[in-house]
Protein backbone atom coordinates (compact mmCIF):
# COMPACT_ATOMS: atom_id res chain seq x y z
CA UNK A 1 -25.67 131.16 37.84
CA UNK A 2 -28.44 128.43 38.24
CA UNK A 3 -28.76 127.88 34.64
CA UNK A 4 -25.21 127.05 34.50
CA UNK A 5 -25.35 124.65 37.80
CA UNK A 6 -27.91 122.96 36.21
CA UNK A 7 -26.15 122.37 32.83
CA UNK A 8 -22.98 121.17 34.90
CA UNK A 9 -25.24 118.63 36.78
CA UNK A 10 -26.33 117.27 33.53
CA UNK A 11 -23.28 117.02 32.14
CA UNK A 12 -21.90 114.94 34.84
CA UNK A 13 -24.92 112.62 34.84
CA UNK A 14 -24.39 111.96 31.03
CA UNK A 15 -20.54 111.66 31.98
CA UNK A 16 -21.55 109.05 34.88
CA UNK A 17 -24.20 107.35 32.51
CA UNK A 18 -21.54 107.05 29.61
CA UNK A 19 -18.87 105.78 32.21
CA UNK A 20 -21.33 102.82 33.26
CA UNK A 21 -22.08 102.07 29.60
CA UNK A 22 -18.39 101.82 28.84
CA UNK A 23 -17.73 99.56 31.96
CA UNK A 24 -21.03 97.28 31.13
CA UNK A 25 -19.39 96.87 27.48
CA UNK A 26 -16.21 95.60 29.19
CA UNK A 27 -17.87 93.21 31.51
CA UNK A 28 -19.96 92.05 28.29
CA UNK A 29 -16.96 91.78 26.41
CA UNK A 30 -14.78 89.69 28.37
CA UNK A 31 -13.98 86.22 26.44
CA UNK A 32 -14.00 84.03 29.67
CA UNK A 33 -16.84 83.63 31.54
CA UNK A 34 -17.59 86.48 34.28
CA UNK A 35 -20.58 86.85 37.25
CA UNK A 36 -20.70 89.72 39.41
CA UNK A 37 -22.72 89.16 42.84
CA UNK A 38 -23.93 91.53 45.48
CA UNK A 39 -23.29 91.12 49.17
CA UNK A 40 -25.37 88.62 49.43
CA UNK A 41 -24.22 86.39 46.89
CA UNK A 42 -27.19 87.39 44.60
CA UNK A 43 -25.86 87.33 41.05
CA UNK A 44 -26.43 90.66 39.75
CA UNK A 45 -24.93 90.53 36.14
CA UNK A 46 -23.51 87.52 33.99
CA UNK A 47 -21.73 88.25 30.70
CA UNK A 48 -22.75 86.35 27.23
CA UNK A 49 -19.40 84.10 27.62
CA UNK A 50 -20.50 82.46 30.86
CA UNK A 51 -24.37 82.09 29.40
CA UNK A 52 -22.58 80.06 26.77
CA UNK A 53 -19.93 77.83 28.72
CA UNK A 54 -22.60 76.87 31.09
CA UNK A 55 -25.43 76.80 28.88
CA UNK A 56 -27.89 79.08 30.77
CA UNK A 57 -30.31 81.76 29.79
CA UNK A 58 -29.77 85.37 31.65
CA UNK A 59 -33.48 85.41 32.81
CA UNK A 60 -32.53 81.91 34.68
CA UNK A 61 -29.25 83.50 36.66
CA UNK A 62 -29.79 87.01 37.14
CA UNK A 63 -31.53 87.60 40.95
CA UNK A 64 -30.81 84.24 41.78
CA UNK A 65 -28.37 83.21 44.99
CA UNK A 66 -25.16 82.10 43.05
CA UNK A 67 -24.73 78.83 45.00
CA UNK A 68 -27.92 77.49 43.98
CA UNK A 69 -27.32 78.22 40.32
CA UNK A 70 -23.73 77.68 39.98
CA UNK A 71 -22.95 74.23 41.54
CA UNK A 72 -19.34 73.44 42.22
CA UNK A 73 -18.40 69.69 42.04
CA UNK A 74 -15.35 67.77 43.46
CA UNK A 75 -13.09 65.03 41.47
CA UNK A 76 -15.97 62.57 42.09
CA UNK A 77 -19.01 64.78 41.08
CA UNK A 78 -20.24 65.14 44.45
CA UNK A 79 -21.37 69.14 45.29
CA UNK A 80 -18.70 70.83 47.34
CA UNK A 81 -19.68 72.15 50.49
CA UNK A 82 -20.82 75.66 50.64
CA UNK A 83 -17.68 76.62 52.88
CA UNK A 84 -15.44 75.10 50.65
CA UNK A 85 -16.53 76.86 47.50
CA UNK A 86 -14.31 79.73 45.72
CA UNK A 87 -16.58 82.57 46.11
CA UNK A 88 -17.25 81.60 49.58
CA UNK A 89 -13.84 81.87 50.69
CA UNK A 90 -13.33 85.01 48.85
CA UNK A 91 -16.04 86.49 50.93
CA UNK A 92 -14.93 85.30 54.12
CA UNK A 93 -11.09 86.33 53.42
CA UNK A 94 -11.49 89.31 51.52
CA UNK A 95 -8.81 87.76 49.38
CA UNK A 96 -8.78 86.91 45.89
CA UNK A 97 -9.58 82.92 45.42
CA UNK A 98 -8.01 80.99 42.28
CA UNK A 99 -8.13 77.39 41.78
CA UNK A 100 -9.27 74.55 39.24
CA UNK A 101 -12.76 73.07 39.96
CA UNK A 102 -15.70 71.83 38.34
CA UNK A 103 -19.08 73.50 37.41
CA UNK A 104 -22.20 71.76 36.76
CA UNK A 105 -23.52 72.97 33.61
CA UNK A 106 -27.38 73.55 33.09
CA UNK A 107 -27.78 70.10 31.45
CA UNK A 108 -26.09 68.44 34.41
CA UNK A 109 -22.42 67.96 32.80
CA UNK A 110 -19.47 68.01 34.94
CA UNK A 111 -17.54 70.92 33.40
CA UNK A 112 -13.65 71.50 34.31
CA UNK A 113 -12.87 75.29 34.86
CA UNK A 114 -10.29 77.45 36.08
CA UNK A 115 -12.07 80.00 38.36
CA UNK A 116 -10.53 83.43 39.90
CA UNK A 117 -12.86 85.14 42.25
CA UNK A 118 -12.15 88.59 43.52
CA UNK A 119 -14.34 90.34 46.56
CA UNK A 120 -15.33 94.02 45.70
CA UNK A 121 -14.20 95.84 48.96
CA UNK A 122 -15.59 99.07 49.80
CA UNK A 123 -15.29 100.67 53.37
CA UNK A 124 -13.01 97.90 54.28
CA UNK A 125 -15.76 94.99 54.09
CA UNK A 126 -17.25 93.08 50.53
CA UNK A 127 -20.02 94.50 48.88
CA UNK A 128 -20.04 91.68 46.19
CA UNK A 129 -17.81 89.62 44.05
CA UNK A 130 -16.70 89.31 40.63
CA UNK A 131 -16.02 85.86 39.21
CA UNK A 132 -14.14 84.80 36.19
CA UNK A 133 -13.60 81.26 34.84
CA UNK A 134 -12.54 79.12 31.68
CA UNK A 135 -13.22 76.09 30.35
CA UNK A 136 -10.24 74.12 30.63
CA UNK A 137 -11.30 70.73 29.26
CA UNK A 138 -9.20 70.59 26.57
CA UNK A 139 -6.14 71.36 29.16
CA UNK A 140 -7.33 68.56 31.29
CA UNK A 141 -7.72 66.11 28.25
CA UNK A 142 -4.32 66.61 27.32
CA UNK A 143 -3.17 65.91 31.11
CA UNK A 144 -5.38 62.78 30.74
CA UNK A 145 -3.66 61.88 27.65
CA UNK A 146 -0.35 62.68 28.77
CA UNK A 147 -0.74 60.27 31.78
CA UNK A 148 -1.89 57.53 29.87
CA UNK A 149 1.52 57.77 27.68
CA UNK A 150 3.54 58.16 30.81
CA UNK A 151 1.79 54.99 32.33
CA UNK A 152 1.97 52.96 29.13
CA UNK A 153 5.46 54.05 28.65
CA UNK A 154 6.68 53.22 32.19
CA UNK A 155 5.12 49.50 31.79
CA UNK A 156 6.64 49.14 28.61
CA UNK A 157 10.44 50.32 29.77
CA UNK A 158 10.14 47.81 32.93
CA UNK A 159 10.15 44.67 30.57
CA UNK A 160 13.64 45.64 29.09
CA UNK A 161 15.13 47.04 32.21
CA UNK A 162 14.16 43.69 34.18
CA UNK A 163 16.21 42.00 31.41
CA UNK A 164 19.38 44.27 31.81
CA UNK A 165 19.24 43.62 35.74
CA UNK A 166 18.90 39.87 35.33
CA UNK A 167 21.69 39.54 32.79
CA UNK A 168 23.89 42.05 34.55
CA UNK A 169 23.90 40.14 37.87
CA UNK A 170 24.42 36.61 35.91
CA UNK A 171 27.66 38.28 34.66
CA UNK A 172 28.67 39.78 38.03
CA UNK A 173 27.81 36.14 39.83
CA UNK A 174 30.29 34.47 36.97
CA UNK A 175 27.46 32.53 35.28
CA UNK A 176 29.29 33.50 32.10
CA UNK A 177 32.92 33.13 33.39
CA UNK A 178 35.23 35.00 35.37
CA UNK A 179 35.21 38.60 35.17
CA UNK A 180 37.94 41.22 35.98
CA UNK A 181 37.64 43.63 38.69
CA UNK A 182 37.43 46.73 36.25
CA UNK A 183 34.62 44.93 34.52
CA UNK A 184 33.27 44.18 38.11
CA UNK A 185 33.06 47.83 38.54
CA UNK A 186 31.20 48.71 35.23
CA UNK A 187 28.82 46.18 35.93
CA UNK A 188 28.07 47.74 39.52
CA UNK A 189 27.57 51.01 37.46
CA UNK A 190 25.08 49.53 35.10
CA UNK A 191 23.30 47.92 38.16
CA UNK A 192 23.33 51.42 40.14
CA UNK A 193 21.55 53.07 36.54
CA UNK A 194 19.19 50.59 36.58
CA UNK A 195 17.86 51.02 40.31
CA UNK A 196 17.74 54.49 39.38
CA UNK A 197 15.69 54.24 36.25
CA UNK A 198 13.44 51.72 38.28
CA UNK A 199 12.70 54.30 40.91
CA UNK A 200 11.90 56.68 38.44
CA UNK A 201 9.42 54.41 36.53
CA UNK A 202 7.82 53.55 39.95
CA UNK A 203 7.52 57.41 40.41
CA UNK A 204 6.10 57.98 37.27
CA UNK A 205 3.87 55.10 37.53
CA UNK A 206 2.64 56.68 41.04
CA UNK A 207 2.15 59.89 40.04
CA UNK A 208 0.12 58.76 37.25
CA UNK A 209 -2.40 56.82 39.46
CA UNK A 210 -2.29 59.76 41.65
CA UNK A 211 -3.47 61.95 38.86
CA UNK A 212 -6.21 59.86 37.72
CA UNK A 213 -7.57 58.84 41.21
CA UNK A 214 -6.69 55.11 40.89
CA UNK A 215 -4.72 54.71 43.81
CA UNK A 216 -6.19 51.67 46.03
CA UNK A 217 -6.02 52.94 49.45
CA UNK A 218 -6.20 49.83 52.31
CA UNK A 219 -5.79 51.23 55.63
CA UNK A 220 -4.97 49.26 58.66
CA UNK A 221 -3.89 49.74 62.15
CA UNK A 222 -0.28 49.80 62.05
CA UNK A 223 2.81 51.45 63.79
CA UNK A 224 4.69 54.37 62.26
CA UNK A 225 7.69 53.69 63.97
CA UNK A 226 8.11 50.45 62.66
CA UNK A 227 7.54 51.55 59.29
CA UNK A 228 10.39 54.33 59.91
CA UNK A 229 12.43 51.76 61.02
CA UNK A 230 12.11 49.42 58.19
CA UNK A 231 12.43 52.52 55.92
CA UNK A 232 16.08 53.56 57.26
CA UNK A 233 17.10 49.82 56.93
CA UNK A 234 16.61 50.25 53.64
CA UNK A 235 18.30 53.35 53.08
CA UNK A 236 21.25 52.03 55.53
CA UNK A 237 23.59 51.46 53.02
CA UNK A 238 23.07 54.98 50.96
CA UNK A 239 23.99 56.97 54.00
CA UNK A 240 26.85 54.90 55.46
CA UNK A 241 28.38 54.66 52.45
CA UNK A 242 28.62 58.59 52.60
CA UNK A 243 29.37 58.80 56.22
CA UNK A 244 25.66 60.21 57.22
CA UNK A 245 24.39 59.29 60.51
CA UNK A 246 20.76 58.01 60.16
CA UNK A 247 18.90 58.10 63.36
CA UNK A 248 15.30 57.76 65.04
CA UNK A 249 14.16 59.64 67.76
CA UNK A 250 10.86 58.51 69.19
CA UNK A 251 8.41 58.64 71.78
CA UNK A 252 7.79 55.30 74.07
CA UNK A 253 4.73 54.33 72.27
CA UNK A 254 4.58 52.73 68.75
CA UNK A 255 2.68 55.47 67.22
CA UNK A 256 -0.21 53.73 66.20
CA UNK A 257 -2.19 54.87 63.20
CA UNK A 258 -4.98 53.47 60.53
CA UNK A 259 -3.49 54.04 57.36
CA UNK A 260 -2.11 52.28 54.35
CA UNK A 261 1.35 50.51 55.17
CA UNK A 262 2.48 50.82 51.55
CA UNK A 263 1.77 54.56 50.84
CA UNK A 264 2.66 55.38 54.42
CA UNK A 265 6.02 53.57 53.99
CA UNK A 266 6.55 55.23 50.38
CA UNK A 267 6.45 58.91 51.65
CA UNK A 268 8.57 57.84 54.51
CA UNK A 269 11.35 56.43 52.24
CA UNK A 270 10.95 59.52 49.77
CA UNK A 271 11.69 62.14 52.68
CA UNK A 272 14.28 60.48 54.09
CA UNK A 273 16.16 59.31 50.72
CA UNK A 274 15.87 63.16 49.70
CA UNK A 275 17.38 64.47 53.00
CA UNK A 276 20.14 62.00 52.42
CA UNK A 277 20.54 63.05 48.49
CA UNK A 278 21.06 66.79 49.90
CA UNK A 279 22.99 66.26 53.00
CA UNK A 280 26.86 66.44 52.50
CA UNK A 281 29.17 63.62 53.43
CA UNK A 282 29.64 63.14 57.17
CA UNK A 283 26.24 64.86 57.93
CA UNK A 284 23.17 63.80 59.95
CA UNK A 285 19.43 62.87 58.99
CA UNK A 286 17.32 62.41 61.88
CA UNK A 287 13.62 61.00 62.03
CA UNK A 288 11.62 62.05 65.00
CA UNK A 289 7.95 61.11 65.65
CA UNK A 290 5.60 62.79 67.70
CA UNK A 291 2.36 61.25 69.42
CA UNK A 292 -0.75 63.97 69.18
CA UNK A 293 -3.95 63.79 70.16
CA UNK A 294 -5.59 63.01 66.70
CA UNK A 295 -2.53 62.66 64.98
CA UNK A 296 1.38 61.31 64.68
CA UNK A 297 3.80 63.74 62.94
CA UNK A 298 6.98 62.39 61.55
CA UNK A 299 9.87 65.06 61.03
CA UNK A 300 12.90 64.10 58.79
CA UNK A 301 15.58 66.66 59.73
CA UNK A 302 18.88 66.98 57.62
CA UNK A 303 22.03 69.01 58.14
CA UNK A 304 21.94 69.50 53.81
CA UNK A 305 21.71 72.54 51.56
CA UNK A 306 18.83 73.86 52.96
CA UNK A 307 16.19 75.54 50.70
CA UNK A 308 16.37 79.14 49.48
CA UNK A 309 13.39 81.20 50.51
CA UNK A 310 12.32 82.26 47.01
CA UNK A 311 11.87 78.68 46.48
CA UNK A 312 9.64 77.55 49.12
CA UNK A 313 6.27 78.33 47.32
CA UNK A 314 7.07 76.16 44.45
CA UNK A 315 8.93 73.22 46.61
CA UNK A 316 5.71 70.36 45.75
CA UNK A 317 5.37 71.72 42.43
CA UNK A 318 5.91 68.73 39.40
CA UNK A 319 9.36 68.65 38.33
CA UNK A 320 10.49 72.03 40.25
CA UNK A 321 14.02 71.35 41.81
CA UNK A 322 15.68 74.41 43.89
CA UNK A 323 18.49 76.51 42.10
CA UNK A 324 21.31 75.69 44.74
CA UNK A 325 20.57 71.91 43.85
CA UNK A 326 20.81 72.14 40.04
CA UNK A 327 23.77 74.18 40.20
CA UNK A 328 25.23 71.29 42.13
CA UNK A 329 24.43 69.05 39.63
CA UNK A 330 22.97 66.64 42.09
CA UNK A 331 20.70 63.75 40.49
CA UNK A 332 16.67 64.30 40.82
CA UNK A 333 13.70 64.95 38.62
CA UNK A 334 11.86 67.23 40.57
CA UNK A 335 9.04 64.36 41.40
CA UNK A 336 9.99 63.04 44.63
CA UNK A 337 8.07 65.92 46.88
CA UNK A 338 5.30 66.21 44.25
CA UNK A 339 4.48 62.35 44.91
CA UNK A 340 4.84 62.89 48.74
CA UNK A 341 2.23 65.37 48.85
CA UNK A 342 0.04 63.76 46.51
CA UNK A 343 0.06 60.37 48.52
CA UNK A 344 0.01 62.38 51.91
CA UNK A 345 -3.37 64.20 50.79
CA UNK A 346 -4.82 60.90 49.37
CA UNK A 347 -4.10 59.39 53.44
CA UNK A 348 -6.01 62.83 54.75
CA UNK A 349 -2.39 63.63 56.13
CA UNK A 350 -0.88 66.89 55.64
CA UNK A 351 2.96 67.81 54.54
CA UNK A 352 5.09 71.01 55.23
CA UNK A 353 8.56 72.28 55.89
CA UNK A 354 10.84 74.29 57.23
CA UNK A 355 14.36 75.25 55.87
CA UNK A 356 17.19 77.37 55.87
CA UNK A 357 19.86 77.70 52.84
CA UNK A 358 23.38 76.28 54.31
CA UNK A 359 21.54 75.10 57.49
CA UNK A 360 19.23 72.21 56.47
CA UNK A 361 15.60 71.35 56.12
CA UNK A 362 13.11 69.40 58.29
CA UNK A 363 10.15 67.98 56.49
CA UNK A 364 6.83 66.82 58.48
CA UNK A 365 4.15 64.35 57.55
CA UNK A 366 0.98 64.41 59.74
CA UNK A 367 -1.20 61.16 59.63
CA UNK A 368 -4.57 60.88 61.31
CA UNK A 369 -5.03 58.23 63.74
CA UNK A 370 -8.89 57.96 62.80
CA UNK A 371 -9.44 56.10 59.50
CA UNK A 372 -12.44 58.21 58.80
CA UNK A 373 -10.25 61.09 57.95
CA UNK A 374 -8.68 59.47 55.21
CA UNK A 375 -9.41 61.78 52.43
CA UNK A 376 -9.90 59.00 49.92
CA UNK A 377 -13.45 58.90 48.65
CA UNK A 378 -13.44 62.68 47.80
CA UNK A 379 -10.60 62.44 45.42
CA UNK A 380 -12.40 59.26 43.69
CA UNK A 381 -10.19 56.76 44.87
CA UNK A 382 -10.69 52.99 45.56
CA UNK A 383 -10.86 51.99 49.07
CA UNK A 384 -10.91 48.85 50.55
CA UNK A 385 -11.56 47.84 54.23
CA UNK A 386 -8.84 45.31 55.59
């Protein structure tokens, strides 16, 4: 009996050793970089792909504290605070964290990577973490080339577009002879299409500037109430032509913030224009300002189509359009809300929304009163004090 027990114990040990060897072989063979840590953040193993990507040797890494060896950098090349690093967030939340960021290689280069960190949970607490990452330099280069192409194409399109608008207006104003009512309607259609094209070009250029980090932010004290009134004046014709009631509800104060007036107005105009576009004739769009202790919140409420719940998570994604608006064939590119989110981030603001299909939506933008909250430097932007 004892011999049998001894044999069984030995067999179990061999089986366990074999399973460990298989697990190690799988870890080593992963094509992406892979790093394992213990519960204190010390690196317990690293695979050959990770060593190759980062330029380290195994003896330089194993046993070291992860944040000291694997340094995360922001868009400007500065180290990311410990609390904001993917591995820290995975430990604190107990959830998988995925994002694109930058790592500093052994030779000091900044390397763009796509990272996924998963905590190892045992007895309802993290006892370590597994991080898998890959080099996305090629993807970043493709995005850069794409942005450069869009920027160049947009600039080149503006020259002929300007000529089209100028000569169309000259025709309408009678500089080249009298025109019939039918011809005037046709020319109005050309001008309308030219205006939409100009808006699209401006949007593409702004997105290119956001993604390249080249938007110039010029903060100064201003009234969000006055900016909202200006935006509403610009959109008055679009609303009244479809019998849509456009109103502004606000507190008695001017809702002062220190921010960039052009960017803030662009955000307000985009949100209000979107609300008008997706609101049926005879509906209403209401802008509401709320003064808070450290910020001012603008809400843009409509009685429009609303957003299906399944589309909520993607609503700020580039080129995304909710299926209900696509079916109605309303004009749009899926870039407006992506642009709003990008611009709000540059001002240190936040954008969110509430919506129910067939009942309408409310989009909110919160801007900080303190100019120090403007998150421009972290995004590698040019900031000039007024």
